[in-house]
C-alpha atoms as a PDB file:
ATOM      1  CA  UNK A   1      -0.119   0.114  -0.084  1.00  0.00           C
ATOM      2  CA  UNK A   2       1.064   3.508  -0.667  1.00  0.00           C
ATOM      3  CA  UNK A   3      -0.451   4.892   2.408  1.00  0.00           C
ATOM      4  CA  UNK A   4       1.889   7.166   4.582  1.00  0.00           C
ATOM      5  CA  UNK A   5       3.151   5.087   7.558  1.00  0.00           C
ATOM      6  CA  UNK A   6       1.308   7.335   9.814  1.00  0.00           C
ATOM      7  CA  UNK A   7      -1.885   6.302   8.226  1.00  0.00           C
ATOM      8  CA  UNK A   8      -1.200   2.634   8.445  1.00  0.00           C
ATOM      9  CA  UNK A   9       0.147   3.003  12.034  1.00  0.00           C
ATOM     10  CA  UNK A  10      -3.480   4.861  12.803  1.00  0.00           C
ATOM     11  CA  UNK A  11      -5.527   2.300  11.225  1.00  0.00           C
ATOM     12  CA  UNK A  12      -4.251  -1.097  11.589  1.00  0.00           C
ATOM     13  CA  UNK A  13      -2.277  -0.012  14.418  1.00  0.00           C
ATOM     14  CA  UNK A  14      -5.234   0.888  16.381  1.00  0.00           C
ATOM     15  CA  UNK A  15      -6.838  -2.445  15.314  1.00  0.00           C
ATOM     16  CA  UNK A  16      -4.071  -4.458  16.614  1.00  0.00           C
ATOM     17  CA  UNK A  17      -4.647  -2.735  19.728  1.00  0.00           C
ATOM     18  CA  UNK A  18      -8.148  -3.877  19.998  1.00  0.00           C
ATOM     19  CA  UNK A  19      -7.154  -7.343  19.185  1.00  0.00           C
ATOM     20  CA  UNK A  20      -4.464  -7.150  21.753  1.00  0.00           C
ATOM     21  CA  UNK A  21      -6.907  -6.197  24.834  1.00  0.00           C
ATOM     22  CA  UNK A  22      -8.653  -9.324  23.966  1.00  0.00           C
ATOM     23  CA  UNK A  23      -6.067 -12.057  22.963  1.00  0.00           C
ATOM     24  CA  UNK A  24      -3.318 -11.112  25.348  1.00  0.00           C
ATOM     25  CA  UNK A  25      -4.359 -12.950  28.610  1.00  0.00           C
ATOM     26  CA  UNK A  26      -5.291 -16.313  26.881  1.00  0.00           C
ATOM     27  CA  UNK A  27      -2.592 -16.338  24.163  1.00  0.00           C
ATOM     28  CA  UNK A  28       0.066 -15.127  26.238  1.00  0.00           C
ATOM     29  CA  UNK A  29      -0.572 -18.044  28.499  1.00  0.00           C
ATOM     30  CA  UNK A  30      -0.336 -20.526  25.676  1.00  0.00           C
ATOM     31  CA  UNK A  31       2.481 -19.202  23.754  1.00  0.00           C
ATOM     32  CA  UNK A  32       4.279 -16.776  25.736  1.00  0.00           C
ATOM     33  CA  UNK A  33       4.478 -13.038  25.906  1.00  0.00           C
ATOM     34  CA  UNK A  34       7.030 -12.467  22.953  1.00  0.00           C
ATOM     35  CA  UNK A  35       5.248 -14.927  20.768  1.00  0.00           C
ATOM     36  CA  UNK A  36       2.008 -13.195  21.438  1.00  0.00           C
ATOM     37  CA  UNK A  37       3.193  -9.940  20.520  1.00  0.00           C
ATOM     38  CA  UNK A  38       4.822 -11.202  17.245  1.00  0.00           C
ATOM     39  CA  UNK A  39       1.404 -12.834  16.332  1.00  0.00           C
ATOM     40  CA  UNK A  40      -0.221  -9.566  16.736  1.00  0.00           C
ATOM     41  CA  UNK A  41       2.223  -7.460  14.877  1.00  0.00           C
ATOM     42  CA  UNK A  42       2.525  -9.857  11.865  1.00  0.00           C
ATOM     43  CA  UNK A  43      -0.310  -7.988   9.600  1.00  0.00           C
ATOM     44  CA  UNK A  44       0.955  -4.566  10.825  1.00  0.00           C
ATOM     45  CA  UNK A  45       4.387  -5.218   9.793  1.00  0.00           C
ATOM     46  CA  UNK A  46       3.489  -6.717   6.493  1.00  0.00           C
ATOM     47  CA  UNK A  47       1.509  -3.649   5.542  1.00  0.00           C
ATOM     48  CA  UNK A  48       4.013  -1.289   6.707  1.00  0.00           C
ATOM     49  CA  UNK A  49       7.380  -2.616   5.536  1.00  0.00           C
ATOM     50  CA  UNK A  50       6.217  -4.349   2.123  1.00  0.00           C
ATOM     51  CA  UNK A  51       5.638  -1.280  -0.155  1.00  0.00           C
ATOM     52  CA  UNK A  52       4.985  -1.170  -3.889  1.00  0.00           C
ATOM     53  CA  UNK A  53       8.353  -0.416  -5.789  1.00  0.00           C
ATOM     54  CA  UNK A  54      10.548  -1.711  -3.110  1.00  0.00           C
ATOM     55  CA  UNK A  55      10.125  -5.445  -4.053  1.00  0.00           C
ATOM     56  CA  UNK A  56       8.582  -7.491  -6.949  1.00  0.00           C
ATOM     57  CA  UNK A  57       5.044  -6.997  -7.308  1.00  0.00           C
ATOM     58  CA  UNK A  58       4.154 -10.623  -6.563  1.00  0.00           C
ATOM     59  CA  UNK A  59       5.921 -10.633  -3.286  1.00  0.00           C
ATOM     60  CA  UNK A  60       4.192  -7.308  -2.301  1.00  0.00           C
ATOM     61  CA  UNK A  61       0.775  -8.622  -3.143  1.00  0.00           C
ATOM     62  CA  UNK A  62       1.387 -11.898  -1.416  1.00  0.00           C
ATOM     63  CA  UNK A  63       2.501 -10.172   1.661  1.00  0.00           C
ATOM     64  CA  UNK A  64      -0.624  -8.025   1.871  1.00  0.00           C
ATOM     65  CA  UNK A  65      -2.916 -11.148   1.020  1.00  0.00           C
ATOM     66  CA  UNK A  66      -1.325 -12.630   4.261  1.00  0.00           C
ATOM     67  CA  UNK A  67      -1.699  -9.464   6.445  1.00  0.00           C
ATOM     68  CA  UNK A  68      -5.490  -9.466   5.469  1.00  0.00           C
ATOM     69  CA  UNK A  69      -5.963 -12.976   6.024  1.00  0.00           C
ATOM     70  CA  UNK A  70      -3.809 -12.896   9.585  1.00  0.00           C
ATOM     71  CA  UNK A  71      -5.700  -9.697  10.577  1.00  0.00           C
ATOM     72  CA  UNK A  72      -8.885 -11.245   9.657  1.00  0.00           C
ATOM     73  CA  UNK A  73      -8.327 -14.514  11.615  1.00  0.00           C
ATOM     74  CA  UNK A  74      -7.133 -12.255  14.519  1.00  0.00           C
ATOM     75  CA  UNK A  75     -10.099 -10.413  14.740  1.00  0.00           C
ATOM     76  CA  UNK A  76     -12.197 -13.493  14.381  1.00  0.00           C
ATOM     77  CA  UNK A  77     -10.490 -15.169  17.280  1.00  0.00           C
ATOM     78  CA  UNK A  78     -10.811 -11.946  19.303  1.00  0.00           C
ATOM     79  CA  UNK A  79     -14.906 -12.203  18.507  1.00  0.00           C
ATOM     80  CA  UNK A  80     -14.934 -15.675  19.629  1.00  0.00           C
ATOM     81  CA  UNK A  81     -13.028 -14.864  22.803  1.00  0.00           C
ATOM     82  CA  UNK A  82     -15.291 -12.068  23.589  1.00  0.00           C
ATOM     83  CA  UNK A  83     -18.374 -14.298  22.918  1.00  0.00           C
ATOM     84  CA  UNK A  84     -16.838 -17.151  24.876  1.00  0.00           C
ATOM     85  CA  UNK A  85     -16.161 -14.719  28.220  1.00  0.00           C
ATOM     86  CA  UNK A  86     -19.110 -13.025  27.925  1.00  0.00           C
ATOM     87  CA  UNK A  87     -19.708  -9.705  26.387  1.00  0.00           C
ATOM     88  CA  UNK A  88     -18.677  -6.564  28.418  1.00  0.00           C
ATOM     89  CA  UNK A  89     -19.316  -3.024  28.113  1.00  0.00           C
ATOM     90  CA  UNK A  90     -15.663  -2.104  27.178  1.00  0.00           C
ATOM     91  CA  UNK A  91     -15.805  -4.580  24.301  1.00  0.00           C
ATOM     92  CA  UNK A  92     -17.747  -1.615  22.216  1.00  0.00           C
ATOM     93  CA  UNK A  93     -14.545   0.183  22.421  1.00  0.00           C
ATOM     94  CA  UNK A  94     -12.306  -2.554  21.271  1.00  0.00           C
ATOM     95  CA  UNK A  95     -14.675  -3.525  18.516  1.00  0.00           C
ATOM     96  CA  UNK A  96     -14.514   0.007  17.129  1.00  0.00           C
ATOM     97  CA  UNK A  97     -10.557  -0.269  17.306  1.00  0.00           C
ATOM     98  CA  UNK A  98     -10.817  -3.671  15.292  1.00  0.00           C
ATOM     99  CA  UNK A  99     -13.340  -2.109  12.804  1.00  0.00           C
ATOM    100  CA  UNK A 100     -10.884   0.925  12.306  1.00  0.00           C
ATOM    101  CA  UNK A 101      -8.022  -1.736  11.694  1.00  0.00           C
ATOM    102  CA  UNK A 102     -10.032  -3.303   8.755  1.00  0.00           C
ATOM    103  CA  UNK A 103      -9.902   0.094   6.584  1.00  0.00           C
ATOM    104  CA  UNK A 104      -6.507  -0.865   4.783  1.00  0.00           C
ATOM    105  CA  UNK A 105      -7.565  -4.484   4.864  1.00  0.00           C
ATOM    106  CA  UNK A 106     -10.812  -3.763   2.884  1.00  0.00           C
ATOM    107  CA  UNK A 107      -9.015  -1.473   0.412  1.00  0.00           C
ATOM    108  CA  UNK A 108      -6.359  -4.182  -0.261  1.00  0.00           C
ATOM    109  CA  UNK A 109      -9.164  -6.918  -0.781  1.00  0.00           C
ATOM    110  CA  UNK A 110     -11.519  -4.600  -2.955  1.00  0.00           C
ATOM    111  CA  UNK A 111      -8.827  -3.446  -5.262  1.00  0.00           C
ATOM    112  CA  UNK A 112      -7.648  -7.107  -5.723  1.00  0.00           C
ATOM    113  CA  UNK A 113     -11.066  -8.087  -6.331  1.00  0.00           C
ATOM    114  CA  UNK A 114     -11.518  -5.164  -8.969  1.00  0.00           C
ATOM    115  CA  UNK A 115      -8.266  -6.285 -10.421  1.00  0.00           C
ATOM    116  CA  UNK A 116      -6.512  -3.054 -10.271  1.00  0.00           C
ATOM    117  CA  UNK A 117      -4.356  -3.700  -7.230  1.00  0.00           C
ATOM    118  CA  UNK A 118      -1.129  -1.921  -7.754  1.00  0.00           C
ATOM    119  CA  UNK A 119      -0.673  -0.561  -4.176  1.00  0.00           C
ATOM    120  CA  UNK A 120      -1.602   2.829  -4.859  1.00  0.00           C
ATOM    121  CA  UNK A 121      -4.894   4.040  -3.691  1.00  0.00           C
END
């Protein structure tokens, strides 16, 4: 994506914070703190560090597709945990954070679907 790093940090960074709030306790217990941080930062890192023009186009597209599916799976897992532990009032804000994180994901998927994905929006 040719978004500025600030725009990506604002959108998917905030979304990652929302997912972190939900999955940090159960995931950190299972895989450890540093592995949990790595799992949460993968989609953010793939979108920020893989930019059009820096590597081959197919590598960039693959990295962005992986980021889209990874973030979607992370949010799906978060929603499952919210439902499993019972909805709390703070989940509204966390859900809003995760929804903001979907802005770049939706743009990547939509432009790939339309067949005009070149990373520049």
